[in-house]
PDB file of N, CA and C in Angstrom:
ATOM      1  N   MET A   1     -44.216  32.746   6.173  1.00  0.00           N
ATOM      2  CA  MET A   1     -45.549  33.039   5.704  1.00  0.00           C
ATOM      3  C   MET A   1     -45.775  32.401   4.337  1.00  0.00           C
ATOM      4  N   ILE A   2     -44.780  32.451   3.460  1.00  0.00           N
ATOM      5  CA  ILE A   2     -44.939  31.874   2.135  1.00  0.00           C
ATOM      6  C   ILE A   2     -45.021  30.364   2.225  1.00  0.00           C
ATOM      7  N   GLY A   3     -44.402  29.774   3.236  1.00  0.00           N
ATOM      8  CA  GLY A   3     -44.434  28.335   3.417  1.00  0.00           C
ATOM      9  C   GLY A   3     -45.845  27.810   3.678  1.00  0.00           C
ATOM     10  N   ASN A   4     -46.728  28.656   4.201  1.00  0.00           N
ATOM     11  CA  ASN A   4     -48.102  28.246   4.500  1.00  0.00           C
ATOM     12  C   ASN A   4     -49.012  28.324   3.281  1.00  0.00           C
ATOM     13  N   LEU A   5     -48.580  28.973   2.219  1.00  0.00           N
ATOM     14  CA  LEU A   5     -49.419  29.124   1.024  1.00  0.00           C
ATOM     15  C   LEU A   5     -49.308  27.891   0.138  1.00  0.00           C
ATOM     16  N   ARG A   6     -50.447  27.506  -0.404  1.00  0.00           N
ATOM     17  CA  ARG A   6     -50.452  26.397  -1.347  1.00  0.00           C
ATOM     18  C   ARG A   6     -50.111  26.937  -2.732  1.00  0.00           C
ATOM     19  N   PRO A   7     -49.659  26.098  -3.655  1.00  0.00           N
ATOM     20  CA  PRO A   7     -49.286  26.556  -5.000  1.00  0.00           C
ATOM     21  C   PRO A   7     -50.415  27.288  -5.718  1.00  0.00           C
ATOM     22  N   MET A   8     -51.638  26.849  -5.546  1.00  0.00           N
ATOM     23  CA  MET A   8     -52.764  27.511  -6.217  1.00  0.00           C
ATOM     24  C   MET A   8     -52.944  28.931  -5.700  1.00  0.00           C
ATOM     25  N   GLU A   9     -52.723  29.168  -4.405  1.00  0.00           N
ATOM     26  CA  GLU A   9     -52.855  30.499  -3.832  1.00  0.00           C
ATOM     27  C   GLU A   9     -51.761  31.424  -4.362  1.00  0.00           C
ATOM     28  N   ILE A  10     -50.559  30.913  -4.523  1.00  0.00           N
ATOM     29  CA  ILE A  10     -49.448  31.711  -5.057  1.00  0.00           C
ATOM     30  C   ILE A  10     -49.744  32.116  -6.498  1.00  0.00           C
ATOM     31  N   VAL A  11     -50.260  31.187  -7.297  1.00  0.00           N
ATOM     32  CA  VAL A  11     -50.611  31.494  -8.696  1.00  0.00           C
ATOM     33  C   VAL A  11     -51.704  32.542  -8.735  1.00  0.00           C
ATOM     34  N   LEU A  12     -52.685  32.452  -7.845  1.00  0.00           N
ATOM     35  CA  LEU A  12     -53.778  33.425  -7.801  1.00  0.00           C
ATOM     36  C   LEU A  12     -53.246  34.810  -7.438  1.00  0.00           C
ATOM     37  N   ILE A  13     -52.329  34.888  -6.463  1.00  0.00           N
ATOM     38  CA  ILE A  13     -51.741  36.184  -6.081  1.00  0.00           C
ATOM     39  C   ILE A  13     -50.956  36.778  -7.246  1.00  0.00           C
ATOM     40  N   LEU A  14     -50.164  35.980  -7.939  1.00  0.00           N
ATOM     41  CA  LEU A  14     -49.403  36.468  -9.093  1.00  0.00           C
ATOM     42  C   LEU A  14     -50.337  36.949 -10.204  1.00  0.00           C
ATOM     43  N   LEU A  15     -51.448  36.268 -10.401  1.00  0.00           N
ATOM     44  CA  LEU A  15     -52.426  36.665 -11.417  1.00  0.00           C
ATOM     45  C   LEU A  15     -53.062  38.008 -11.066  1.00  0.00           C
ATOM     46  N   VAL A  16     -53.374  38.218  -9.798  1.00  0.00           N
ATOM     47  CA  VAL A  16     -53.948  39.496  -9.355  1.00  0.00           C
ATOM     48  C   VAL A  16     -52.940  40.627  -9.562  1.00  0.00           C
ATOM     49  N   ILE A  17     -51.674  40.370  -9.220  1.00  0.00           N
ATOM     50  CA  ILE A  17     -50.627  41.389  -9.430  1.00  0.00           C
ATOM     51  C   ILE A  17     -50.507  41.721 -10.908  1.00  0.00           C
ATOM     52  N   LEU A  18     -50.555  40.719 -11.756  1.00  0.00           N
ATOM     53  CA  LEU A  18     -50.461  40.927 -13.202  1.00  0.00           C
ATOM     54  C   LEU A  18     -51.625  41.756 -13.709  1.00  0.00           C
ATOM     55  N   LEU A  19     -52.827  41.500 -13.191  1.00  0.00           N
ATOM     56  CA  LEU A  19     -53.995  42.268 -13.613  1.00  0.00           C
ATOM     57  C   LEU A  19     -53.938  43.710 -13.112  1.00  0.00           C
ATOM     58  N   LEU A  20     -53.430  43.912 -11.881  1.00  0.00           N
ATOM     59  CA  LEU A  20     -53.373  45.261 -11.312  1.00  0.00           C
ATOM     60  C   LEU A  20     -52.359  46.138 -12.037  1.00  0.00           C
ATOM     61  N   PHE A  21     -51.180  45.633 -12.266  1.00  0.00           N
ATOM     62  CA  PHE A  21     -50.117  46.452 -12.837  1.00  0.00           C
ATOM     63  C   PHE A  21     -50.007  46.331 -14.347  1.00  0.00           C
ATOM     64  N   GLY A  22     -50.517  45.289 -14.918  1.00  0.00           N
ATOM     65  CA  GLY A  22     -50.449  45.110 -16.361  1.00  0.00           C
ATOM     66  C   GLY A  22     -49.124  44.479 -16.764  1.00  0.00           C
ATOM     67  N   ALA A  23     -49.155  43.749 -17.852  1.00  0.00           N
ATOM     68  CA  ALA A  23     -47.976  43.036 -18.323  1.00  0.00           C
ATOM     69  C   ALA A  23     -46.887  43.984 -18.802  1.00  0.00           C
ATOM     70  N   LYS A  24     -47.254  45.162 -19.288  1.00  0.00           N
ATOM     71  CA  LYS A  24     -46.259  46.119 -19.795  1.00  0.00           C
ATOM     72  C   LYS A  24     -45.481  46.783 -18.664  1.00  0.00           C
ATOM     73  N   LYS A  25     -46.112  46.952 -17.525  1.00  0.00           N
ATOM     74  CA  LYS A  25     -45.459  47.648 -16.412  1.00  0.00           C
ATOM     75  C   LYS A  25     -44.517  46.742 -15.615  1.00  0.00           C
ATOM     76  N   LEU A  26     -44.779  45.465 -15.578  1.00  0.00           N
ATOM     77  CA  LEU A  26     -43.974  44.568 -14.745  1.00  0.00           C
ATOM     78  C   LEU A  26     -42.498  44.528 -15.132  1.00  0.00           C
ATOM     79  N   PRO A  27     -42.128  44.421 -16.416  1.00  0.00           N
ATOM     80  CA  PRO A  27     -40.690  44.437 -16.742  1.00  0.00           C
ATOM     81  C   PRO A  27     -40.010  45.761 -16.362  1.00  0.00           C
ATOM     82  N   ASP A  28     -40.727  46.872 -16.530  1.00  0.00           N
ATOM     83  CA  ASP A  28     -40.163  48.169 -16.144  1.00  0.00           C
ATOM     84  C   ASP A  28     -39.951  48.247 -14.635  1.00  0.00           C
ATOM     85  N   MET A  29     -40.907  47.718 -13.900  1.00  0.00           N
ATOM     86  CA  MET A  29     -40.773  47.724 -12.441  1.00  0.00           C
ATOM     87  C   MET A  29     -39.601  46.852 -12.002  1.00  0.00           C
ATOM     88  N   ALA A  30     -39.453  45.704 -12.621  1.00  0.00           N
ATOM     89  CA  ALA A  30     -38.337  44.810 -12.278  1.00  0.00           C
ATOM     90  C   ALA A  30     -37.001  45.452 -12.640  1.00  0.00           C
ATOM     91  N   ARG A  31     -36.960  46.135 -13.785  1.00  0.00           N
ATOM     92  CA  ARG A  31     -35.731  46.812 -14.218  1.00  0.00           C
ATOM     93  C   ARG A  31     -35.360  47.926 -13.233  1.00  0.00           C
ATOM     94  N   SER A  32     -36.329  48.719 -12.817  1.00  0.00           N
ATOM     95  CA  SER A  32     -36.037  49.811 -11.883  1.00  0.00           C
ATOM     96  C   SER A  32     -35.636  49.258 -10.520  1.00  0.00           C
ATOM     97  N   LEU A  33     -36.222  48.135 -10.125  1.00  0.00           N
ATOM     98  CA  LEU A  33     -35.821  47.504  -8.876  1.00  0.00           C
ATOM     99  C   LEU A  33     -34.373  47.020  -8.951  1.00  0.00           C
ATOM    100  N   GLY A  34     -33.974  46.473 -10.097  1.00  0.00           N
ATOM    101  CA  GLY A  34     -32.587  46.034 -10.293  1.00  0.00           C
ATOM    102  C   GLY A  34     -31.615  47.199 -10.263  1.00  0.00           C
ATOM    103  N   LYS A  35     -31.997  48.313 -10.892  1.00  0.00           N
ATOM    104  CA  LYS A  35     -31.137  49.500 -10.877  1.00  0.00           C
ATOM    105  C   LYS A  35     -30.967  50.013  -9.454  1.00  0.00           C
ATOM    106  N   SER A  36     -32.059  50.034  -8.703  1.00  0.00           N
ATOM    107  CA  SER A  36     -31.990  50.505  -7.319  1.00  0.00           C
ATOM    108  C   SER A  36     -31.066  49.623  -6.488  1.00  0.00           C
ATOM    109  N   ALA A  37     -31.147  48.315  -6.705  1.00  0.00           N
ATOM    110  CA  ALA A  37     -30.283  47.396  -5.959  1.00  0.00           C
ATOM    111  C   ALA A  37     -28.815  47.614  -6.320  1.00  0.00           C
ATOM    112  N   ARG A  38     -28.520  47.844  -7.601  1.00  0.00           N
ATOM    113  CA  ARG A  38     -27.128  48.102  -8.012  1.00  0.00           C
ATOM    114  C   ARG A  38     -26.611  49.401  -7.423  1.00  0.00           C
ATOM    115  N   ILE A  39     -27.446  50.438  -7.412  1.00  0.00           N
ATOM    116  CA  ILE A  39     -27.036  51.726  -6.838  1.00  0.00           C
ATOM    117  C   ILE A  39     -26.757  51.570  -5.348  1.00  0.00           C
ATOM    118  N   LEU A  40     -27.644  50.864  -4.657  1.00  0.00           N
ATOM    119  CA  LEU A  40     -27.452  50.646  -3.227  1.00  0.00           C
ATOM    120  C   LEU A  40     -26.154  49.894  -2.953  1.00  0.00           C
ATOM    121  N   LYS A  41     -25.871  48.888  -3.758  1.00  0.00           N
ATOM    122  CA  LYS A  41     -24.654  48.100  -3.583  1.00  0.00           C
ATOM    123  C   LYS A  41     -23.409  48.951  -3.825  1.00  0.00           C
ATOM    124  N   SER A  42     -23.437  49.779  -4.883  1.00  0.00           N
ATOM    125  CA  SER A  42     -22.263  50.616  -5.178  1.00  0.00           C
ATOM    126  C   SER A  42     -22.053  51.671  -4.099  1.00  0.00           C
ATOM    127  N   GLU A  43     -23.137  52.226  -3.558  1.00  0.00           N
ATOM    128  CA  GLU A  43     -23.002  53.216  -2.486  1.00  0.00           C
ATOM    129  C   GLU A  43     -22.426  52.572  -1.224  1.00  0.00           C
ATOM    130  N   ALA A  44     -22.835  51.363  -0.926  1.00  0.00           N
ATOM    131  CA  ALA A  44     -22.297  50.662   0.247  1.00  0.00           C
ATOM    132  C   ALA A  44     -20.799  50.414   0.077  1.00  0.00           C
ATOM    133  N   LYS A  45     -20.381  50.011  -1.131  1.00  0.00           N
ATOM    134  CA  LYS A  45     -18.946  49.805  -1.391  1.00  0.00           C
ATOM    135  C   LYS A  45     -18.178  51.105  -1.243  1.00  0.00           C
ATOM    136  N   GLN A  46     -18.758  52.206  -1.743  1.00  0.00           N
ATOM    137  CA  GLN A  46     -18.096  53.509  -1.665  1.00  0.00           C
ATOM    138  C   GLN A  46     -17.934  53.938  -0.203  1.00  0.00           C
ATOM    139  N   MET A  47     -18.959  53.701   0.608  1.00  0.00           N
ATOM    140  CA  MET A  47     -18.869  54.066   2.022  1.00  0.00           C
ATOM    141  C   MET A  47     -17.788  53.252   2.727  1.00  0.00           C
ATOM    142  N   LYS A  48     -17.671  51.963   2.403  1.00  0.00           N
ATOM    143  CA  LYS A  48     -16.623  51.134   3.000  1.00  0.00           C
ATOM    144  C   LYS A  48     -15.248  51.624   2.582  1.00  0.00           C
ATOM    145  N   LYS A  49     -15.109  52.015   1.313  1.00  0.00           N
ATOM    146  CA  LYS A  49     -13.822  52.501   0.802  1.00  0.00           C
ATOM    147  C   LYS A  49     -13.435  53.802   1.494  1.00  0.00           C
ATOM    148  N   GLU A  50     -14.397  54.726   1.647  1.00  0.00           N
ATOM    149  CA  GLU A  50     -14.112  55.994   2.310  1.00  0.00           C
ATOM    150  C   GLU A  50     -13.746  55.773   3.773  1.00  0.00           C
ATOM    151  N   SER A  51     -14.408  54.817   4.418  1.00  0.00           N
ATOM    152  CA  SER A  51     -14.098  54.506   5.807  1.00  0.00           C
ATOM    153  C   SER A  51     -12.671  53.976   5.933  1.00  0.00           C
ATOM    154  N   ALA A  52     -12.279  53.120   5.006  1.00  0.00           N
ATOM    155  CA  ALA A  52     -10.918  52.581   5.027  1.00  0.00           C
ATOM    156  C   ALA A  52      -9.892  53.683   4.768  1.00  0.00           C
ATOM    157  N   ASP A  53     -10.204  54.620   3.854  1.00  0.00           N
ATOM    158  CA  ASP A  53      -9.301  55.736   3.577  1.00  0.00           C
ATOM    159  C   ASP A  53      -9.152  56.632   4.801  1.00  0.00           C
ATOM    160  N   ASP A  54     -10.274  56.889   5.507  1.00  0.00           N
ATOM    161  CA  ASP A  54     -10.216  57.716   6.710  1.00  0.00           C
ATOM    162  C   ASP A  54      -9.377  57.062   7.789  1.00  0.00           C
ATOM    163  N   ASP A  55      -9.513  55.738   7.939  1.00  0.00           N
ATOM    164  CA  ASP A  55      -8.710  55.019   8.928  1.00  0.00           C
ATOM    165  C   ASP A  55      -7.221  55.124   8.606  1.00  0.00           C
ATOM    166  N   ALA A  56      -6.871  55.009   7.324  1.00  0.00           N
ATOM    167  CA  ALA A  56      -5.469  55.111   6.914  1.00  0.00           C
ATOM    168  C   ALA A  56      -4.935  56.521   7.187  1.00  0.00           C
ATOM    169  N   ASP A  57      -5.759  57.549   6.946  1.00  0.00           N
ATOM    170  CA  ASP A  57      -5.338  58.927   7.220  1.00  0.00           C
ATOM    171  C   ASP A  57      -5.105  59.141   8.709  1.00  0.00           C
ATOM    172  N   ARG A  58      -5.991  58.589   9.543  1.00  0.00           N
ATOM    173  CA  ARG A  58      -5.827  58.745  10.991  1.00  0.00           C
ATOM    174  C   ARG A  58      -4.554  58.059  11.476  1.00  0.00           C
ATOM    175  N   GLU A  59      -4.264  56.873  10.928  1.00  0.00           N
ATOM    176  CA  GLU A  59      -3.047  56.161  11.315  1.00  0.00           C
ATOM    177  C   GLU A  59      -1.806  56.937  10.898  1.00  0.00           C
ATOM    178  N   ALA A  60      -1.820  57.539   9.711  1.00  0.00           N
ATOM    179  CA  ALA A  60      -0.679  58.322   9.250  1.00  0.00           C
ATOM    180  C   ALA A  60      -0.479  59.550  10.137  1.00  0.00           C
ATOM    181  N   ALA A  61      -1.567  60.190  10.534  1.00  0.00           N
ATOM    182  CA  ALA A  61      -1.465  61.360  11.407  1.00  0.00           C
ATOM    183  C   ALA A  61      -0.933  60.962  12.776  1.00  0.00           C
ATOM    184  N   ALA A  62      -1.348  59.816  13.281  1.00  0.00           N
ATOM    185  CA  ALA A  62      -0.860  59.362  14.581  1.00  0.00           C
ATOM    186  C   ALA A  62       0.629  59.056  14.517  1.00  0.00           C
ATOM    187  N   ARG A  63       1.077  58.444  13.404  1.00  0.00           N
ATOM    188  CA  ARG A  63       2.512  58.174  13.256  1.00  0.00           C
ATOM    189  C   ARG A  63       3.308  59.475  13.172  1.00  0.00           C
ATOM    190  N   ALA A  64       2.783  60.477  12.474  1.00  0.00           N
ATOM    191  CA  ALA A  64       3.482  61.753  12.336  1.00  0.00           C
ATOM    192  C   ALA A  64       3.585  62.451  13.692  1.00  0.00           C
ATOM    193  N   ASP A  65       2.512  62.376  14.498  1.00  0.00           N
ATOM    194  CA  ASP A  65       2.550  62.980  15.825  1.00  0.00           C
ATOM    195  C   ASP A  65       3.563  62.277  16.721  1.00  0.00           C
ATOM    196  N   ALA A  66       3.662  60.974  16.592  1.00  0.00           N
ATOM    197  CA  ALA A  66       4.592  60.210  17.421  1.00  0.00           C
ATOM    198  C   ALA A  66       6.045  60.522  17.063  1.00  0.00           C
ATOM    199  N   GLN A  67       6.299  60.843  15.803  1.00  0.00           N
ATOM    200  CA  GLN A  67       7.660  61.112  15.351  1.00  0.00           C
ATOM    201  C   GLN A  67       8.071  62.570  15.543  1.00  0.00           C
ATOM    202  N   GLN A  68       7.138  63.399  15.990  1.00  0.00           N
ATOM    203  CA  GLN A  68       7.444  64.824  16.154  1.00  0.00           C
ATOM    204  C   GLN A  68       8.453  64.989  17.298  1.00  0.00           C
ATOM    205  N   SER A  69       9.461  65.845  17.075  1.00  0.00           N
ATOM    206  CA  SER A  69      10.520  66.011  18.075  1.00  0.00           C
ATOM    207  C   SER A  69      10.236  67.213  18.968  1.00  0.00           C
ATOM    208  N   ALA A  70      11.164  67.493  19.878  1.00  0.00           N
ATOM    209  CA  ALA A  70      11.050  68.615  20.794  1.00  0.00           C
ATOM    210  C   ALA A  70      11.076  69.932  20.022  1.00  0.00           C
ATOM    211  N   PRO A  71      10.575  71.023  20.624  1.00  0.00           N
ATOM    212  CA  PRO A  71      10.556  72.310  19.929  1.00  0.00           C
ATOM    213  C   PRO A  71      11.962  72.775  19.541  1.00  0.00           C
ATOM    214  N   ARG A  72      12.062  73.337  18.363  1.00  0.00           N
ATOM    215  CA  ARG A  72      13.354  73.838  17.893  1.00  0.00           C
ATOM    216  C   ARG A  72      13.640  75.210  18.496  1.00  0.00           C
ATOM    217  N   THR A  73      14.899  75.563  18.561  1.00  0.00           N
ATOM    218  CA  THR A  73      15.303  76.887  19.014  1.00  0.00           C
ATOM    219  C   THR A  73      15.732  77.693  17.801  1.00  0.00           C
ATOM    220  N   ILE A  74      15.164  78.890  17.689  1.00  0.00           N
ATOM    221  CA  ILE A  74      15.512  79.766  16.576  1.00  0.00           C
ATOM    222  C   ILE A  74      16.491  80.817  17.091  1.00  0.00           C
ATOM    223  N   GLN A  75      17.572  80.980  16.365  1.00  0.00           N
ATOM    224  CA  GLN A  75      18.563  81.977  16.747  1.00  0.00           C
ATOM    225  C   GLN A  75      18.616  83.042  15.668  1.00  0.00           C
ATOM    226  N   ALA A  76      18.701  84.302  16.110  1.00  0.00           N
ATOM    227  CA  ALA A  76      18.759  85.419  15.173  1.00  0.00           C
ATOM    228  C   ALA A  76      20.107  85.442  14.463  1.00  0.00           C
ATOM    229  N   ALA A  77      21.167  85.220  15.200  1.00  0.00           N
ATOM    230  CA  ALA A  77      22.501  85.209  14.616  1.00  0.00           C
ATOM    231  C   ALA A  77      23.307  84.142  15.337  1.00  0.00           C
ATOM    232  N   PRO A  78      24.273  83.522  14.662  1.00  0.00           N
ATOM    233  CA  PRO A  78      25.076  82.510  15.349  1.00  0.00           C
ATOM    234  C   PRO A  78      25.795  83.105  16.556  1.00  0.00           C
ATOM    235  N   GLY A  79      25.616  82.438  17.695  1.00  0.00           N
ATOM    236  CA  GLY A  79      26.286  82.892  18.909  1.00  0.00           C
ATOM    237  C   GLY A  79      25.511  83.936  19.679  1.00  0.00           C
ATOM    238  N   ASP A  80      24.421  84.480  19.173  1.00  0.00           N
ATOM    239  CA  ASP A  80      23.631  85.501  19.861  1.00  0.00           C
ATOM    240  C   ASP A  80      22.601  84.803  20.754  1.00  0.00           C
ATOM    241  N   VAL A  81      22.960  84.584  22.010  1.00  0.00           N
ATOM    242  CA  VAL A  81      22.124  83.825  22.934  1.00  0.00           C
ATOM    243  C   VAL A  81      20.986  84.680  23.477  1.00  0.00           C
ATOM    244  N   SER A  82      21.124  85.980  23.521  1.00  0.00           N
ATOM    245  CA  SER A  82      20.105  86.841  24.120  1.00  0.00           C
ATOM    246  C   SER A  82      18.798  86.826  23.314  1.00  0.00           C
ATOM    247  N   SER A  83      18.872  86.598  21.985  1.00  0.00           N
ATOM    248  CA  SER A  83      17.654  86.604  21.179  1.00  0.00           C
ATOM    249  C   SER A  83      17.151  85.195  20.860  1.00  0.00           C
ATOM    250  N   ALA A  84      17.813  84.168  21.399  1.00  0.00           N
ATOM    251  CA  ALA A  84      17.374  82.800  21.139  1.00  0.00           C
ATOM    252  C   ALA A  84      16.099  82.504  21.923  1.00  0.00           C
ATOM    253  N   ARG A  85      15.145  81.838  21.301  1.00  0.00           N
ATOM    254  CA  ARG A  85      13.880  81.506  21.966  1.00  0.00           C
ATOM    255  C   ARG A  85      13.317  80.248  21.315  1.00  0.00           C
ATOM    256  N   PRO A  86      12.480  79.505  22.032  1.00  0.00           N
ATOM    257  CA  PRO A  86      11.804  78.359  21.414  1.00  0.00           C
ATOM    258  C   PRO A  86      10.855  78.841  20.312  1.00  0.00           C
ATOM    259  N   ALA A  87      10.602  78.016  19.320  1.00  0.00           N
ATOM    260  CA  ALA A  87       9.819  78.411  18.160  1.00  0.00           C
ATOM    261  C   ALA A  87       8.385  78.783  18.499  1.00  0.00           C
ATOM    262  N   GLY A  88       7.804  78.227  19.549  1.00  0.00           N
ATOM    263  CA  GLY A  88       6.413  78.482  19.879  1.00  0.00           C
ATOM    264  C   GLY A  88       6.175  79.742  20.681  1.00  0.00           C
ATOM    265  N   GLU A  89       7.195  80.347  21.261  1.00  0.00           N
ATOM    266  CA  GLU A  89       7.011  81.534  22.101  1.00  0.00           C
ATOM    267  C   GLU A  89       6.958  82.803  21.260  1.00  0.00           C
ATOM    268  N   PRO A  90       6.110  83.755  21.634  1.00  0.00           N
ATOM    269  CA  PRO A  90       6.077  85.035  20.921  1.00  0.00           C
ATOM    270  C   PRO A  90       7.305  85.880  21.288  1.00  0.00           C
ATOM    271  N   THR A  91       7.638  86.803  20.431  1.00  0.00           N
ATOM    272  CA  THR A  91       8.772  87.685  20.701  1.00  0.00           C
ATOM    273  C   THR A  91       8.352  88.766  21.674  1.00  0.00           C
ATOM    274  N   ARG A  92       9.341  89.463  22.236  1.00  0.00           N
ATOM    275  CA  ARG A  92       9.048  90.559  23.174  1.00  0.00           C
ATOM    276  C   ARG A  92       8.381  91.714  22.445  1.00  0.00           C
ATOM    277  N   GLN A  93       8.740  91.928  21.215  1.00  0.00           N
ATOM    278  CA  GLN A  93       8.181  93.026  20.444  1.00  0.00           C
ATOM    279  C   GLN A  93       6.677  92.841  20.241  1.00  0.00           C
ATOM    280  N   SER A  94       6.223  91.621  20.002  1.00  0.00           N
ATOM    281  CA  SER A  94       4.792  91.388  19.772  1.00  0.00           C
ATOM    282  C   SER A  94       4.016  91.521  21.086  1.00  0.00           C
ATOM    283  N   ASN A  95       4.659  91.298  22.241  1.00  0.00           N
ATOM    284  CA  ASN A  95       3.977  91.473  23.519  1.00  0.00           C
ATOM    285  C   ASN A  95       3.799  92.933  23.852  1.00  0.00           C
ATOM    286  N   GLN A  96       4.708  93.792  23.399  1.00  0.00           N
ATOM    287  CA  GLN A  96       4.651  95.199  23.727  1.00  0.00           C
ATOM    288  C   GLN A  96       3.591  95.912  22.889  1.00  0.00           C
ATOM    289  N   ASN A  97       3.245  95.390  21.721  1.00  0.00           N
ATOM    290  CA  ASN A  97       2.253  96.050  20.847  1.00  0.00           C
ATOM    291  C   ASN A  97       0.863  95.850  21.300  1.00  0.00           C
TER     292      ASN A  97
END
């Protein structure tokens, strides 16, 4: 669209903008536009960093799950086989309550 405008038309549009907003407001508007662009850029970088951190956490959790071994057996006393049970099973006493 800008390619179709002649130089005189572009100057006229800029002059109208200058008259509408005033010379004092234009630098403030440009400054606030620059601040907004910097904030947007920093937020995008932060989101990428958080995404990379989440991916690293998921990979670490997957490695930990892969290295997990079979359930351990807990013994009440050495040699006491009657009270030995896998760690995940509830005791008989808790079932009776």
